[in-house]
PDB file of N, CA and C in Angstrom:
ATOM      1  N   MET A   1       7.541 -44.992 -57.546  1.00  0.00           N
ATOM      2  CA  MET A   1       8.623 -44.160 -57.034  1.00  0.00           C
ATOM      3  C   MET A   1       8.791 -42.945 -57.933  1.00  0.00           C
ATOM      4  N   GLN A   2       8.821 -41.792 -57.349  1.00  0.00           N
ATOM      5  CA  GLN A   2       8.930 -40.556 -58.124  1.00  0.00           C
ATOM      6  C   GLN A   2      10.393 -40.170 -58.300  1.00  0.00           C
ATOM      7  N   SER A   3      10.748 -39.787 -59.518  1.00  0.00           N
ATOM      8  CA  SER A   3      12.126 -39.405 -59.821  1.00  0.00           C
ATOM      9  C   SER A   3      12.374 -37.963 -59.399  1.00  0.00           C
ATOM     10  N   LYS A   4      13.481 -37.749 -58.674  1.00  0.00           N
ATOM     11  CA  LYS A   4      13.855 -36.388 -58.292  1.00  0.00           C
ATOM     12  C   LYS A   4      14.638 -35.752 -59.424  1.00  0.00           C
ATOM     13  N   GLU A   5      14.424 -34.491 -59.639  1.00  0.00           N
ATOM     14  CA  GLU A   5      15.194 -33.749 -60.640  1.00  0.00           C
ATOM     15  C   GLU A   5      16.545 -33.399 -60.039  1.00  0.00           C
ATOM     16  N   VAL A   6      17.590 -33.666 -60.806  1.00  0.00           N
ATOM     17  CA  VAL A   6      18.945 -33.364 -60.347  1.00  0.00           C
ATOM     18  C   VAL A   6      19.333 -32.008 -60.913  1.00  0.00           C
ATOM     19  N   ASN A   7      19.718 -31.076 -60.044  1.00  0.00           N
ATOM     20  CA  ASN A   7      20.044 -29.728 -60.492  1.00  0.00           C
ATOM     21  C   ASN A   7      21.457 -29.301 -60.125  1.00  0.00           C
ATOM     22  N   SER A   8      22.315 -30.271 -59.817  1.00  0.00           N
ATOM     23  CA  SER A   8      23.686 -29.906 -59.473  1.00  0.00           C
ATOM     24  C   SER A   8      24.401 -29.407 -60.727  1.00  0.00           C
ATOM     25  N   VAL A   9      25.320 -28.497 -60.536  1.00  0.00           N
ATOM     26  CA  VAL A   9      26.054 -27.921 -61.671  1.00  0.00           C
ATOM     27  C   VAL A   9      26.795 -29.001 -62.469  1.00  0.00           C
ATOM     28  N   PRO A  10      27.518 -29.921 -61.813  1.00  0.00           N
ATOM     29  CA  PRO A  10      28.208 -30.952 -62.608  1.00  0.00           C
ATOM     30  C   PRO A  10      27.244 -31.791 -63.455  1.00  0.00           C
ATOM     31  N   TYR A  11      26.067 -32.123 -62.888  1.00  0.00           N
ATOM     32  CA  TYR A  11      25.084 -32.883 -63.664  1.00  0.00           C
ATOM     33  C   TYR A  11      24.596 -32.072 -64.862  1.00  0.00           C
ATOM     34  N   LEU A  12      24.279 -30.818 -64.646  1.00  0.00           N
ATOM     35  CA  LEU A  12      23.777 -29.979 -65.739  1.00  0.00           C
ATOM     36  C   LEU A  12      24.831 -29.809 -66.835  1.00  0.00           C
ATOM     37  N   ILE A  13      26.096 -29.720 -66.449  1.00  0.00           N
ATOM     38  CA  ILE A  13      27.170 -29.635 -67.440  1.00  0.00           C
ATOM     39  C   ILE A  13      27.246 -30.942 -68.232  1.00  0.00           C
ATOM     40  N   SER A  14      27.192 -32.069 -67.532  1.00  0.00           N
ATOM     41  CA  SER A  14      27.276 -33.357 -68.226  1.00  0.00           C
ATOM     42  C   SER A  14      26.097 -33.540 -69.175  1.00  0.00           C
ATOM     43  N   ARG A  15      24.921 -33.092 -68.765  1.00  0.00           N
ATOM     44  CA  ARG A  15      23.739 -33.218 -69.630  1.00  0.00           C
ATOM     45  C   ARG A  15      23.885 -32.331 -70.871  1.00  0.00           C
ATOM     46  N   SER A  16      24.451 -31.158 -70.696  1.00  0.00           N
ATOM     47  CA  SER A  16      24.678 -30.260 -71.827  1.00  0.00           C
ATOM     48  C   SER A  16      25.636 -30.897 -72.839  1.00  0.00           C
ATOM     49  N   ILE A  17      26.696 -31.515 -72.329  1.00  0.00           N
ATOM     50  CA  ILE A  17      27.655 -32.189 -73.211  1.00  0.00           C
ATOM     51  C   ILE A  17      26.977 -33.357 -73.919  1.00  0.00           C
ATOM     52  N   LEU A  18      26.170 -34.116 -73.189  1.00  0.00           N
ATOM     53  CA  LEU A  18      25.453 -35.233 -73.804  1.00  0.00           C
ATOM     54  C   LEU A  18      24.540 -34.755 -74.924  1.00  0.00           C
ATOM     55  N   LYS A  19      23.842 -33.642 -74.698  1.00  0.00           N
ATOM     56  CA  LYS A  19      22.959 -33.092 -75.733  1.00  0.00           C
ATOM     57  C   LYS A  19      23.745 -32.732 -76.988  1.00  0.00           C
ATOM     58  N   GLU A  20      24.940 -32.150 -76.796  1.00  0.00           N
ATOM     59  CA  GLU A  20      25.780 -31.806 -77.948  1.00  0.00           C
ATOM     60  C   GLU A  20      26.200 -33.059 -78.710  1.00  0.00           C
ATOM     61  N   LEU A  21      26.586 -34.098 -77.982  1.00  0.00           N
ATOM     62  CA  LEU A  21      26.975 -35.355 -78.623  1.00  0.00           C
ATOM     63  C   LEU A  21      25.806 -35.942 -79.407  1.00  0.00           C
ATOM     64  N   LEU A  22      24.615 -35.861 -78.835  1.00  0.00           N
ATOM     65  CA  LEU A  22      23.417 -36.364 -79.497  1.00  0.00           C
ATOM     66  C   LEU A  22      23.124 -35.559 -80.759  1.00  0.00           C
ATOM     67  N   GLU A  23      23.169 -34.248 -80.646  1.00  0.00           N
ATOM     68  CA  GLU A  23      22.896 -33.381 -81.795  1.00  0.00           C
ATOM     69  C   GLU A  23      23.918 -33.574 -82.911  1.00  0.00           C
ATOM     70  N   ASP A  24      25.163 -33.887 -82.536  1.00  0.00           N
ATOM     71  CA  ASP A  24      26.217 -34.110 -83.532  1.00  0.00           C
ATOM     72  C   ASP A  24      26.187 -35.526 -84.097  1.00  0.00           C
ATOM     73  N   GLY A  25      25.271 -36.346 -83.608  1.00  0.00           N
ATOM     74  CA  GLY A  25      25.141 -37.707 -84.112  1.00  0.00           C
ATOM     75  C   GLY A  25      26.198 -38.667 -83.587  1.00  0.00           C
ATOM     76  N   LEU A  26      26.863 -38.288 -82.510  1.00  0.00           N
ATOM     77  CA  LEU A  26      27.926 -39.136 -81.968  1.00  0.00           C
ATOM     78  C   LEU A  26      27.400 -40.193 -80.997  1.00  0.00           C
ATOM     79  N   ILE A  27      26.192 -39.976 -80.465  1.00  0.00           N
ATOM     80  CA  ILE A  27      25.520 -40.978 -79.643  1.00  0.00           C
ATOM     81  C   ILE A  27      24.060 -41.050 -80.077  1.00  0.00           C
ATOM     82  N   THR A  28      23.412 -42.178 -79.767  1.00  0.00           N
ATOM     83  CA  THR A  28      22.001 -42.363 -80.109  1.00  0.00           C
ATOM     84  C   THR A  28      21.117 -41.884 -78.958  1.00  0.00           C
ATOM     85  N   GLU A  29      19.817 -41.785 -79.221  1.00  0.00           N
ATOM     86  CA  GLU A  29      18.851 -41.424 -78.169  1.00  0.00           C
ATOM     87  C   GLU A  29      18.924 -42.428 -77.024  1.00  0.00           C
ATOM     88  N   GLU A  30      19.058 -43.709 -77.382  1.00  0.00           N
ATOM     89  CA  GLU A  30      19.127 -44.760 -76.363  1.00  0.00           C
ATOM     90  C   GLU A  30      20.370 -44.586 -75.488  1.00  0.00           C
ATOM     91  N   GLU A  31      21.504 -44.312 -76.119  1.00  0.00           N
ATOM     92  CA  GLU A  31      22.739 -44.084 -75.365  1.00  0.00           C
ATOM     93  C   GLU A  31      22.603 -42.852 -74.476  1.00  0.00           C
ATOM     94  N   PHE A  32      22.003 -41.793 -75.015  1.00  0.00           N
ATOM     95  CA  PHE A  32      21.777 -40.572 -74.243  1.00  0.00           C
ATOM     96  C   PHE A  32      20.980 -40.890 -72.982  1.00  0.00           C
ATOM     97  N   SER A  33      19.892 -41.634 -73.152  1.00  0.00           N
ATOM     98  CA  SER A  33      19.024 -41.962 -72.018  1.00  0.00           C
ATOM     99  C   SER A  33      19.748 -42.791 -70.970  1.00  0.00           C
ATOM    100  N   LYS A  34      20.514 -43.784 -71.425  1.00  0.00           N
ATOM    101  CA  LYS A  34      21.234 -44.647 -70.485  1.00  0.00           C
ATOM    102  C   LYS A  34      22.301 -43.867 -69.720  1.00  0.00           C
ATOM    103  N   ILE A  35      23.081 -43.062 -70.432  1.00  0.00           N
ATOM    104  CA  ILE A  35      24.136 -42.280 -69.785  1.00  0.00           C
ATOM    105  C   ILE A  35      23.526 -41.259 -68.830  1.00  0.00           C
ATOM    106  N   ASP A  36      22.449 -40.611 -69.258  1.00  0.00           N
ATOM    107  CA  ASP A  36      21.796 -39.615 -68.406  1.00  0.00           C
ATOM    108  C   ASP A  36      21.260 -40.258 -67.127  1.00  0.00           C
ATOM    109  N   ALA A  37      20.697 -41.455 -67.239  1.00  0.00           N
ATOM    110  CA  ALA A  37      20.190 -42.155 -66.058  1.00  0.00           C
ATOM    111  C   ALA A  37      21.327 -42.467 -65.088  1.00  0.00           C
ATOM    112  N   GLU A  38      22.460 -42.906 -65.610  1.00  0.00           N
ATOM    113  CA  GLU A  38      23.625 -43.177 -64.754  1.00  0.00           C
ATOM    114  C   GLU A  38      24.138 -41.892 -64.108  1.00  0.00           C
ATOM    115  N   ASN A  39      24.167 -40.817 -64.892  1.00  0.00           N
ATOM    116  CA  ASN A  39      24.624 -39.532 -64.347  1.00  0.00           C
ATOM    117  C   ASN A  39      23.701 -39.054 -63.231  1.00  0.00           C
ATOM    118  N   LYS A  40      22.396 -39.258 -63.389  1.00  0.00           N
ATOM    119  CA  LYS A  40      21.451 -38.856 -62.341  1.00  0.00           C
ATOM    120  C   LYS A  40      21.764 -39.588 -61.043  1.00  0.00           C
ATOM    121  N   LYS A  41      22.056 -40.891 -61.150  1.00  0.00           N
ATOM    122  CA  LYS A  41      22.402 -41.669 -59.954  1.00  0.00           C
ATOM    123  C   LYS A  41      23.687 -41.130 -59.323  1.00  0.00           C
ATOM    124  N   THR A  42      24.674 -40.876 -60.160  1.00  0.00           N
ATOM    125  CA  THR A  42      25.986 -40.434 -59.683  1.00  0.00           C
ATOM    126  C   THR A  42      25.925 -39.057 -59.036  1.00  0.00           C
ATOM    127  N   PHE A  43      25.260 -38.108 -59.694  1.00  0.00           N
ATOM    128  CA  PHE A  43      25.254 -36.733 -59.211  1.00  0.00           C
ATOM    129  C   PHE A  43      24.177 -36.461 -58.162  1.00  0.00           C
ATOM    130  N   ASN A  44      23.343 -37.450 -57.862  1.00  0.00           N
ATOM    131  CA  ASN A  44      22.262 -37.263 -56.894  1.00  0.00           C
ATOM    132  C   ASN A  44      22.656 -37.777 -55.512  1.00  0.00           C
ATOM    133  N   LYS A  45      23.941 -38.001 -55.284  1.00  0.00           N
ATOM    134  CA  LYS A  45      24.406 -38.530 -53.991  1.00  0.00           C
ATOM    135  C   LYS A  45      24.687 -37.416 -53.021  1.00  0.00           C
TER     136      LYS A  45
END
């Protein structure tokens, strides 16, 4: 199954915030990946 890229504005904003949290050390790479996967499901509806 091929993953579709999500390009909605709310998703892109959430991903930007997640990247900041990751860069600031507030979340781990694993947490980033899990949250991003959930966001893709949510914003791809």
